[in-house]
N, C-alpha and C. Protein backbone atom coordinates (compact mmCIF):
# COMPACT_ATOMS: atom_id res chain seq x y z
N MET A 1 -8.33 -10.69 6.25
CA MET A 1 -7.50 -10.06 4.84
C MET A 1 -6.99 -11.23 3.94
N ARG A 2 -6.76 -10.91 2.63
CA ARG A 2 -6.21 -12.02 1.74
C ARG A 2 -5.03 -11.28 1.55
N ILE A 3 -4.28 -12.53 1.80
CA ILE A 3 -2.39 -12.13 1.29
C ILE A 3 -2.02 -13.79 0.92
N TYR A 4 -1.11 -12.65 -0.18
CA TYR A 4 -0.87 -13.97 -1.78
C TYR A 4 0.56 -13.59 -2.04
N GLY A 5 0.69 -14.67 -3.39
CA GLY A 5 1.67 -14.00 -3.75
C GLY A 5 1.30 -14.08 -5.30
N HIS A 6 2.62 -12.94 -5.44
CA HIS A 6 1.81 -12.25 -7.55
C HIS A 6 3.11 -13.24 -7.93
N ARG A 7 3.62 -13.21 -9.13
CA ARG A 7 3.66 -14.24 -9.92
C ARG A 7 5.36 -14.02 -9.58
N LEU A 8 5.70 -14.72 -8.19
CA LEU A 8 6.71 -14.66 -7.44
C LEU A 8 7.22 -16.49 -7.74
N GLY A 9 8.41 -16.30 -8.02
CA GLY A 9 9.28 -17.44 -7.96
C GLY A 9 9.85 -18.20 -6.35
N GLY A 10 10.18 -19.22 -6.07
CA GLY A 10 10.25 -19.77 -5.34
C GLY A 10 10.87 -18.89 -4.63
N ARG A 11 12.28 -18.68 -4.88
CA ARG A 11 13.06 -17.82 -4.14
C ARG A 11 12.48 -16.76 -3.10
N TYR A 12 11.58 -16.37 -3.05
CA TYR A 12 11.00 -15.45 -2.21
C TYR A 12 9.45 -15.78 -1.36
N ALA A 13 9.59 -17.39 -1.22
CA ALA A 13 9.07 -18.28 -0.60
C ALA A 13 9.06 -17.48 1.00
N MET A 14 10.26 -17.07 1.57
CA MET A 14 10.63 -16.77 2.95
C MET A 14 10.23 -15.49 2.81
N GLU A 15 10.00 -14.72 2.55
CA GLU A 15 9.39 -13.31 2.70
C GLU A 15 8.07 -13.30 2.61
N LEU A 16 6.87 -14.08 1.38
CA LEU A 16 5.53 -14.62 1.75
C LEU A 16 5.53 -14.97 2.41
N ALA A 17 6.17 -16.17 3.13
CA ALA A 17 5.61 -16.97 4.62
C ALA A 17 5.90 -16.23 5.58
N HIS A 18 6.57 -15.17 6.03
CA HIS A 18 6.64 -14.39 7.19
C HIS A 18 5.57 -12.65 6.76
N VAL A 19 5.49 -12.81 5.29
CA VAL A 19 3.99 -11.55 5.23
C VAL A 19 2.65 -11.78 5.67
N ARG A 20 2.43 -13.20 5.47
CA ARG A 20 1.64 -13.99 5.89
C ARG A 20 1.41 -14.21 6.85
N GLU A 21 2.58 -14.20 7.84
CA GLU A 21 2.87 -15.09 8.95
C GLU A 21 2.33 -13.13 9.62
N THR A 22 2.47 -12.15 9.89
CA THR A 22 3.27 -11.14 10.59
C THR A 22 2.23 -10.06 9.49
N ALA A 23 1.16 -10.02 8.61
CA ALA A 23 0.57 -9.38 8.62
C ALA A 23 -0.57 -8.97 9.23
N PRO A 24 -1.50 -9.93 9.63
CA PRO A 24 -2.55 -9.69 10.42
C PRO A 24 -1.51 -9.08 11.60
N LEU A 25 -0.36 -9.24 12.43
CA LEU A 25 -0.69 -9.04 13.92
C LEU A 25 0.01 -7.09 13.27
N ALA A 26 0.67 -6.46 12.67
CA ALA A 26 0.62 -5.34 12.19
C ALA A 26 -0.42 -4.93 12.10
N ALA A 27 -0.83 -5.19 11.77
CA ALA A 27 -2.56 -4.32 10.84
C ALA A 27 -3.04 -3.90 12.07
N ARG A 28 -2.77 -5.10 13.59
CA ARG A 28 -3.73 -4.32 14.64
C ARG A 28 -3.10 -3.31 15.66
N LEU A 29 -1.04 -4.11 15.11
CA LEU A 29 -0.56 -2.73 15.96
C LEU A 29 -1.06 -1.32 15.59
N VAL A 30 -0.81 -1.54 14.13
CA VAL A 30 -1.43 -0.15 14.11
C VAL A 30 -2.95 0.52 14.15
N GLU A 31 -3.15 -0.83 14.02
CA GLU A 31 -4.81 -0.10 14.52
C GLU A 31 -4.89 0.58 15.87
N ARG A 32 -4.38 -0.25 16.53
CA ARG A 32 -4.35 -0.15 18.18
C ARG A 32 -3.46 1.08 18.93
N GLU A 33 -2.33 1.63 18.24
CA GLU A 33 -1.23 2.88 18.22
C GLU A 33 -1.98 4.42 17.53
N MET A 34 -2.59 3.58 16.52
CA MET A 34 -3.35 4.82 15.66
C MET A 34 -5.08 5.32 16.25
N GLY A 35 -5.75 4.34 16.61
CA GLY A 35 -6.95 4.23 17.80
C GLY A 35 -8.21 4.76 15.89
N GLU A 36 -7.89 4.03 15.15
CA GLU A 36 -8.82 3.92 13.73
C GLU A 36 -8.01 2.69 13.27
N ARG A 37 -9.37 2.27 12.42
CA ARG A 37 -8.47 0.91 11.38
C ARG A 37 -8.05 0.60 10.11
N VAL A 38 -7.97 -0.26 9.76
CA VAL A 38 -7.54 -0.31 8.64
C VAL A 38 -8.17 -0.73 7.62
N GLY A 39 -9.34 -1.34 7.79
CA GLY A 39 -10.29 -1.42 5.99
C GLY A 39 -10.33 -2.78 5.93
N SER A 40 -10.91 -2.40 4.62
CA SER A 40 -10.04 -4.29 3.91
C SER A 40 -9.53 -4.43 3.47
N VAL A 41 -8.01 -5.12 3.17
CA VAL A 41 -6.77 -5.27 2.70
C VAL A 41 -6.46 -6.07 2.90
N GLU A 42 -6.39 -5.92 0.80
CA GLU A 42 -5.24 -7.05 0.50
C GLU A 42 -3.91 -6.91 -0.12
N VAL A 43 -2.96 -7.85 0.88
CA VAL A 43 -1.74 -7.48 0.59
C VAL A 43 -1.46 -8.38 -0.28
N ALA A 44 -0.43 -8.22 -1.57
CA ALA A 44 0.39 -9.42 -2.56
C ALA A 44 1.98 -8.90 -2.32
N VAL A 45 2.31 -9.52 -2.23
CA VAL A 45 3.80 -9.11 -2.18
C VAL A 45 3.85 -10.39 -3.74
N SER A 46 4.49 -9.35 -4.38
CA SER A 46 5.24 -9.71 -5.87
C SER A 46 6.63 -8.94 -6.53
N CYS A 47 6.47 -9.13 -7.76
CA CYS A 47 8.07 -8.66 -8.88
C CYS A 47 8.03 -7.47 -9.00
N THR A 48 8.52 -6.69 -9.28
CA THR A 48 8.25 -5.36 -10.12
C THR A 48 7.09 -5.17 -11.29
N ASP A 49 7.03 -5.64 -12.60
CA ASP A 49 6.13 -6.13 -13.14
C ASP A 49 4.91 -6.75 -12.30
N GLY A 50 5.03 -7.69 -11.36
CA GLY A 50 3.78 -8.58 -11.08
C GLY A 50 3.19 -6.46 -10.54
N ALA A 51 3.58 -6.48 -9.88
CA ALA A 51 3.09 -5.35 -9.08
C ALA A 51 2.95 -3.81 -9.45
N ARG A 52 3.41 -3.56 -10.87
CA ARG A 52 2.35 -2.44 -11.43
C ARG A 52 1.59 -3.34 -12.32
N ASP A 53 1.10 -4.64 -12.67
CA ASP A 53 0.30 -5.08 -13.23
C ASP A 53 -1.16 -4.95 -12.47
N LEU A 54 -0.47 -5.58 -10.70
CA LEU A 54 -1.90 -5.35 -10.63
C LEU A 54 -2.17 -4.13 -9.90
N LEU A 55 -1.32 -3.29 -9.35
CA LEU A 55 -1.52 -1.38 -9.54
C LEU A 55 -2.62 -1.48 -10.49
N LEU A 56 -1.83 -1.55 -11.90
CA LEU A 56 -3.27 -1.12 -13.15
C LEU A 56 -4.32 -2.06 -13.32
N ALA A 57 -4.27 -3.13 -12.55
CA ALA A 57 -6.08 -3.98 -12.36
C ALA A 57 -7.04 -3.10 -10.84
N ALA A 58 -6.56 -2.98 -10.30
CA ALA A 58 -6.33 -2.16 -9.04
C ALA A 58 -7.23 -0.60 -9.44
N HIS A 59 -6.58 -0.03 -9.96
CA HIS A 59 -6.81 1.45 -10.55
C HIS A 59 -7.88 1.20 -11.50
N GLN A 60 -7.90 0.27 -12.60
CA GLN A 60 -8.77 0.46 -13.77
C GLN A 60 -9.66 -0.48 -13.43
N ALA A 61 -9.91 -1.01 -11.78
CA ALA A 61 -11.40 -1.82 -11.57
C ALA A 61 -11.96 -0.44 -10.88
N VAL A 62 -11.46 0.04 -9.95
CA VAL A 62 -12.29 1.29 -8.99
C VAL A 62 -12.54 2.36 -10.30
N LEU A 63 -11.58 2.90 -11.45
CA LEU A 63 -11.81 3.59 -11.36
C LEU A 63 -13.12 3.13 -12.92
N GLY A 64 -13.47 2.02 -13.23
CA GLY A 64 -13.99 1.43 -14.05
C GLY A 64 -13.57 1.04 -15.68
N THR A 65 -12.41 1.89 -15.68
CA THR A 65 -12.04 1.93 -17.52
C THR A 65 -10.83 0.81 -17.83
N ARG A 66 -10.46 1.13 -18.81
CA ARG A 66 -9.48 0.45 -19.53
C ARG A 66 -8.52 1.04 -20.13
N ASN A 67 -8.20 3.03 -19.79
CA ASN A 67 -7.04 3.76 -20.11
C ASN A 67 -5.96 3.34 -18.86
N LYS A 68 -5.29 3.41 -19.77
CA LYS A 68 -3.44 3.47 -19.28
C LYS A 68 -3.15 4.63 -18.46
N PRO A 69 -2.85 4.85 -17.68
CA PRO A 69 -2.28 6.51 -16.18
C PRO A 69 -1.12 6.85 -17.17
N ARG A 70 -1.35 7.64 -17.08
CA ARG A 70 -0.47 8.74 -17.95
C ARG A 70 0.80 8.75 -16.79
N TRP A 71 1.42 8.36 -15.82
CA TRP A 71 2.74 7.77 -15.16
C TRP A 71 2.49 6.33 -15.61
N ARG A 72 4.00 5.60 -14.57
CA ARG A 72 4.07 4.55 -14.47
C ARG A 72 4.79 4.67 -12.43
N PRO A 73 4.56 3.71 -12.02
CA PRO A 73 4.65 3.81 -10.44
C PRO A 73 6.26 4.30 -10.38
N ALA A 74 6.87 4.55 -9.61
CA ALA A 74 8.60 4.67 -8.80
C ALA A 74 8.12 3.99 -8.77
N ALA A 75 9.94 3.25 -9.00
CA ALA A 75 10.32 1.83 -7.82
C ALA A 75 10.14 2.46 -6.16
N ALA A 76 9.68 1.55 -5.13
CA ALA A 76 9.57 1.59 -3.63
C ALA A 76 9.85 0.19 -3.46
N LEU A 77 9.79 0.62 -2.26
CA LEU A 77 10.20 -1.11 -1.48
C LEU A 77 7.82 -1.57 -1.33
N ALA A 78 6.94 -0.87 -1.74
CA ALA A 78 5.68 -1.33 -1.07
C ALA A 78 5.44 0.37 -1.92
N HIS A 79 3.62 -0.16 -2.48
CA HIS A 79 2.72 0.50 -2.97
C HIS A 79 1.16 0.00 -2.09
N SER A 80 0.26 1.53 -1.68
CA SER A 80 -0.99 1.16 -1.38
C SER A 80 -1.68 1.76 -1.83
N THR A 81 -2.85 1.28 -1.69
CA THR A 81 -3.76 2.16 -3.42
C THR A 81 -5.18 1.05 -3.28
N LEU A 82 -6.11 2.16 -3.16
CA LEU A 82 -7.58 2.17 -3.57
C LEU A 82 -7.72 0.50 -3.95
N SER A 83 -8.84 -0.34 -3.99
CA SER A 83 -9.37 -1.33 -4.73
C SER A 83 -10.75 -0.75 -4.09
N THR A 84 -11.86 -1.66 -4.94
CA THR A 84 -12.88 -1.41 -5.53
C THR A 84 -13.16 -2.61 -3.10
N SER A 85 -12.89 -3.05 -2.63
CA SER A 85 -13.11 -3.79 -1.76
C SER A 85 -12.42 -3.16 -0.82
N GLY A 86 -10.90 -1.67 -0.62
CA GLY A 86 -10.55 -1.17 0.34
C GLY A 86 -9.53 -0.78 0.40
N THR A 87 -8.51 -1.17 0.36
CA THR A 87 -7.01 -0.89 0.45
C THR A 87 -6.74 -2.40 -0.12
N LEU A 88 -5.92 -2.33 -1.61
CA LEU A 88 -4.40 -3.35 -1.62
C LEU A 88 -3.11 -2.81 -1.97
N ILE A 89 -2.05 -3.54 -0.93
CA ILE A 89 -1.10 -3.07 -0.55
C ILE A 89 -0.22 -4.39 -0.80
N VAL A 90 1.09 -4.11 -2.07
CA VAL A 90 1.64 -4.79 -3.10
C VAL A 90 2.62 -4.17 -2.42
N ILE A 91 3.16 -5.49 -2.07
CA ILE A 91 4.78 -5.11 -1.41
C ILE A 91 5.87 -5.71 -2.88
N GLU A 92 7.21 -4.83 -2.81
CA GLU A 92 7.53 -5.09 -4.24
C GLU A 92 8.87 -6.77 -2.88
N ALA A 93 9.18 -7.52 -3.69
CA ALA A 93 9.81 -8.66 -3.40
C ALA A 93 10.74 -8.28 -2.94
N LYS A 94 11.99 -7.68 -4.32
CA LYS A 94 13.41 -8.08 -4.59
C LYS A 94 14.00 -6.69 -3.33
N PRO A 95 13.67 -6.34 -3.42
CA PRO A 95 13.99 -5.12 -2.03
C PRO A 95 13.97 -5.72 -1.25
N HIS A 96 13.31 -6.81 -0.46
CA HIS A 96 12.91 -6.95 0.96
C HIS A 96 13.88 -8.02 1.07
N ARG A 97 14.03 -8.71 -0.07
CA ARG A 97 14.92 -10.31 -0.36
C ARG A 97 16.37 -10.95 1.60
N GLY A 98 15.93 -11.47 2.30
CA GLY A 98 16.47 -12.19 3.35
C GLY A 98 16.91 -10.70 4.50
N ASP A 99 15.45 -9.64 4.17
CA ASP A 99 15.86 -8.68 4.98
C ASP A 99 14.31 -7.79 5.96
N LEU A 100 14.10 -9.07 6.77
CA LEU A 100 12.50 -9.30 7.74
C LEU A 100 12.03 -8.22 8.63
N GLY A 101 13.47 -7.30 9.28
CA GLY A 101 13.68 -6.48 9.50
C GLY A 101 12.73 -5.10 8.35
N LEU A 102 13.47 -5.31 7.85
CA LEU A 102 12.73 -3.94 6.43
C LEU A 102 11.32 -4.35 6.17
N LEU A 103 11.34 -5.55 5.66
CA LEU A 103 9.74 -6.23 5.43
C LEU A 103 8.76 -5.77 6.64
N ASP A 104 9.76 -5.52 8.02
CA ASP A 104 8.38 -5.50 9.29
C ASP A 104 7.57 -4.18 9.41
N GLU A 105 8.79 -3.09 8.66
CA GLU A 105 9.01 -1.83 8.47
C GLU A 105 8.14 -1.80 7.44
N THR A 106 8.33 -1.98 6.37
CA THR A 106 7.36 -2.05 5.48
C THR A 106 5.85 -2.18 4.73
N LEU A 107 5.59 -3.09 6.70
CA LEU A 107 4.60 -3.75 6.59
C LEU A 107 3.81 -2.82 7.17
N VAL A 108 4.22 -2.43 8.72
CA VAL A 108 3.82 -1.53 9.08
C VAL A 108 3.42 0.31 8.46
N HIS A 109 4.57 0.71 8.02
CA HIS A 109 4.32 1.78 6.89
C HIS A 109 3.03 1.48 6.48
N GLU A 110 3.02 0.61 5.80
CA GLU A 110 1.63 0.34 4.35
C GLU A 110 0.31 0.30 5.20
N PHE A 111 0.14 -0.21 6.50
CA PHE A 111 -1.02 -0.70 7.23
C PHE A 111 -1.67 1.24 7.25
N VAL A 112 -0.44 1.78 7.84
CA VAL A 112 -0.50 3.36 8.18
C VAL A 112 -1.12 3.88 6.88
N HIS A 113 -0.68 3.35 5.58
CA HIS A 113 -2.12 4.00 4.88
C HIS A 113 -3.14 3.67 4.25
N ALA A 114 -3.09 2.25 4.77
CA ALA A 114 -4.86 1.94 4.24
C ALA A 114 -5.81 2.68 5.16
N VAL A 115 -5.24 3.05 6.83
CA VAL A 115 -5.99 3.53 8.00
C VAL A 115 -6.06 4.85 7.52
N GLN A 116 -4.96 5.99 6.37
CA GLN A 116 -5.30 6.90 5.76
C GLN A 116 -6.42 7.11 4.46
N PHE A 117 -6.18 6.14 4.47
CA PHE A 117 -7.14 5.63 3.01
C PHE A 117 -9.18 5.63 3.89
N ASN A 118 -8.96 5.28 4.83
CA ASN A 118 -9.91 5.40 5.02
C ASN A 118 -10.14 6.37 6.04
N ARG A 119 -10.24 7.30 5.88
CA ARG A 119 -10.68 9.06 7.08
C ARG A 119 -11.01 9.91 5.84
N GLY A 120 -12.16 10.05 7.16
CA GLY A 120 -13.18 11.44 5.98
C GLY A 120 -13.07 10.83 4.28
N GLU A 121 -13.07 12.40 3.34
CA GLU A 121 -13.23 12.26 2.21
C GLU A 121 -11.90 11.63 1.93
N ALA A 122 -10.96 10.58 2.29
CA ALA A 122 -9.64 10.36 1.22
C ALA A 122 -9.93 9.77 -0.14
N ARG A 123 -10.66 8.67 0.41
CA ARG A 123 -10.63 8.01 -1.01
C ARG A 123 -11.77 8.23 -1.82
N SER A 124 -12.47 9.66 -1.74
CA SER A 124 -13.19 10.27 -2.77
C SER A 124 -11.57 11.16 -3.21
N GLY A 125 -11.30 11.62 -2.57
CA GLY A 125 -9.88 12.18 -3.12
C GLY A 125 -9.12 11.94 -4.25
N MET A 126 -9.01 10.84 -3.23
CA MET A 126 -7.74 9.63 -4.03
C MET A 126 -8.43 9.32 -5.68
N VAL A 127 -9.23 9.28 -5.42
CA VAL A 127 -10.62 8.43 -6.80
C VAL A 127 -10.19 9.67 -7.76
N ARG A 128 -10.97 11.28 -7.34
CA ARG A 128 -10.55 12.26 -8.40
C ARG A 128 -8.87 12.30 -9.01
N HIS A 129 -7.75 11.86 -8.14
CA HIS A 129 -6.96 12.05 -8.25
C HIS A 129 -6.53 10.89 -8.69
N LEU A 130 -6.83 9.66 -9.08
CA LEU A 130 -6.68 8.85 -9.91
C LEU A 130 -7.62 9.32 -11.89
N ARG A 131 -8.75 9.38 -11.57
CA ARG A 131 -9.02 10.03 -12.28
C ARG A 131 -8.62 11.00 -13.11
N ASN A 132 -7.79 12.07 -13.19
CA ASN A 132 -7.12 13.06 -13.41
C ASN A 132 -5.27 12.24 -13.90
N ASN A 133 -4.90 10.93 -13.05
CA ASN A 133 -3.43 10.18 -14.01
C ASN A 133 -4.06 9.32 -15.02
N TYR A 134 -5.21 9.28 -14.90
CA TYR A 134 -6.04 8.19 -15.99
C TYR A 134 -6.82 8.97 -17.18
N GLY A 135 -6.67 10.17 -17.47
CA GLY A 135 -6.71 11.00 -18.58
C GLY A 135 -8.71 10.81 -18.13
N LEU A 136 -8.64 10.83 -17.55
CA LEU A 136 -11.01 10.50 -17.11
C LEU A 136 -10.69 12.15 -16.57
N GLY A 137 -10.06 13.31 -16.53
CA GLY A 137 -11.00 14.30 -15.77
C GLY A 137 -9.61 15.19 -15.06
N ASP A 138 -9.94 16.09 -15.23
CA ASP A 138 -8.61 17.57 -14.61
C ASP A 138 -9.40 18.01 -12.86
N LEU A 139 -7.54 17.71 -12.91
CA LEU A 139 -7.27 18.49 -11.68
C LEU A 139 -6.68 20.42 -11.46
N ALA A 140 -7.80 21.29 -10.82
CA ALA A 140 -6.52 22.52 -10.71
C ALA A 140 -5.35 22.16 -10.28
N TRP A 141 -5.06 23.26 -10.67
CA TRP A 141 -3.26 23.18 -10.26
C TRP A 141 -3.32 23.00 -8.51
N ALA A 142 -4.45 23.66 -7.83
CA ALA A 142 -4.85 23.85 -6.72
C ALA A 142 -4.73 22.79 -6.09
N GLU A 143 -5.80 22.22 -6.36
CA GLU A 143 -6.12 20.98 -5.89
C GLU A 143 -4.81 20.08 -5.90
N CYS A 144 -3.70 19.51 -7.38
CA CYS A 144 -3.31 18.91 -7.25
C CYS A 144 -1.99 19.78 -6.75
N ARG A 145 -1.47 21.01 -5.69
CA ARG A 145 -0.67 21.12 -5.26
C ARG A 145 -1.04 20.68 -3.71
N ALA A 146 -2.14 20.65 -3.25
CA ALA A 146 -2.83 19.94 -2.03
C ALA A 146 -2.42 18.88 -2.42
N ALA A 147 -2.90 17.87 -3.10
CA ALA A 147 -2.92 16.32 -2.85
C ALA A 147 -1.63 15.83 -3.17
N ASN A 148 -0.65 17.43 -3.41
CA ASN A 148 1.04 16.70 -2.96
C ASN A 148 1.34 16.79 -1.72
N LYS A 149 0.80 17.61 -0.90
CA LYS A 149 1.09 18.18 0.31
C LYS A 149 0.36 17.07 1.27
N GLN A 150 -0.80 16.66 0.87
CA GLN A 150 -1.82 15.16 1.74
C GLN A 150 -0.80 13.74 1.42
N VAL A 151 -0.16 13.89 0.97
CA VAL A 151 0.76 12.59 0.25
C VAL A 151 1.70 13.37 1.41
N ALA A 152 1.94 14.00 0.98
CA ALA A 152 4.22 14.27 1.96
C ALA A 152 3.16 14.23 3.30
N ARG A 153 3.19 14.67 3.93
CA ARG A 153 2.05 14.75 5.34
C ARG A 153 1.53 13.04 5.30
N ASN A 154 1.25 12.64 4.85
CA ASN A 154 0.94 10.86 5.03
C ASN A 154 1.98 10.56 4.94
N GLU A 155 3.03 10.70 4.34
CA GLU A 155 4.37 10.08 4.30
C GLU A 155 5.43 10.01 5.58
N ARG A 156 5.07 11.22 6.01
CA ARG A 156 5.71 11.26 7.17
C ARG A 156 5.39 11.02 8.59
N GLU A 157 3.65 10.45 8.06
CA GLU A 157 3.11 10.19 10.05
C GLU A 157 3.10 8.08 9.63
N ALA A 158 3.56 8.10 8.27
CA ALA A 158 3.66 6.15 7.91
C ALA A 158 5.54 6.69 8.51
N GLU A 159 6.06 7.38 8.29
CA GLU A 159 7.41 6.80 8.10
C GLU A 159 7.28 7.32 9.95
N GLY A 160 6.77 7.74 10.89
CA GLY A 160 6.90 8.01 11.92
C GLY A 160 6.60 6.76 13.18
N MET A 161 5.00 6.42 11.69
CA MET A 161 4.93 4.82 13.21
C MET A 161 5.81 3.84 12.43
N GLU A 162 6.42 4.17 12.00
CA GLU A 162 7.54 2.41 11.19
C GLU A 162 8.13 2.02 12.45
N ARG A 163 8.01 2.72 13.55
CA ARG A 163 9.45 1.64 14.52
C ARG A 163 8.36 1.23 15.05
N LEU A 164 7.01 0.84 15.41
CA LEU A 164 6.44 0.17 15.30
C LEU A 164 6.66 -1.22 15.41
N ALA A 165 7.74 -1.20 14.28
CA ALA A 165 8.65 -2.33 13.87
C ALA A 165 8.95 -3.58 14.35
N THR A 166 9.34 -2.58 15.35
CA THR A 166 10.02 -3.43 16.33
C THR A 166 9.44 -4.81 17.49
N ARG A 167 8.56 -3.39 17.60
CA ARG A 167 7.38 -4.53 18.48
C ARG A 167 6.98 -6.05 17.60
N LEU A 168 6.76 -5.63 16.26
CA LEU A 168 6.56 -6.51 15.49
C LEU A 168 7.33 -7.73 15.45
N SER A 169 8.94 -7.19 15.89
CA SER A 169 9.50 -8.10 14.93
C SER A 169 9.70 -8.95 17.03
N LYS A 170 9.06 -8.31 18.11
CA LYS A 170 9.37 -9.06 19.23
C LYS A 170 8.43 -10.11 19.14
N ALA A 171 7.16 -9.34 18.56
CA ALA A 171 5.71 -10.50 19.34
C ALA A 171 6.00 -11.72 17.57
N VAL A 172 6.65 -12.02 16.60
CA VAL A 172 7.03 -12.92 16.67
C VAL A 172 7.66 -13.65 16.63
N ALA A 173 9.06 -13.36 17.18
CA ALA A 173 9.98 -14.19 18.03
C ALA A 173 9.31 -14.88 18.64
């Protein structure tokens, strides 16, 4: 697992150090609880603009294009997406500043998404949807609706697993 800071100032050193220490533990905890693997994962801690840059670069590499997306990622605590080697998790540093408990919950949540990305046809479905978002293909309305329902199910599952963060903070203490 590669863990790094991207376009971070020194004021986020504590958050980056915490992610470096706890991300491997969070991944193992999620794998043990779910009985599934997170696969190959990169974790970046970044500022908002840096997060957008990382997501754009990952999507363009997966799709083999220089196209820009039809949308901008919404503000969030973190983003998980496909990368050429597996999953890229980008943690937004600013909303986590000084709140390591929230950072633990976010790590658990995003590692659940990494597990979800490795299930069955999830990756190929995500590539189809990314192609649509980047103007490289069109999806039927029914497929878009089904994808949105799957995203909602994935979010509910990830939110339900955030309870594991209390075990994570005890393991680090």
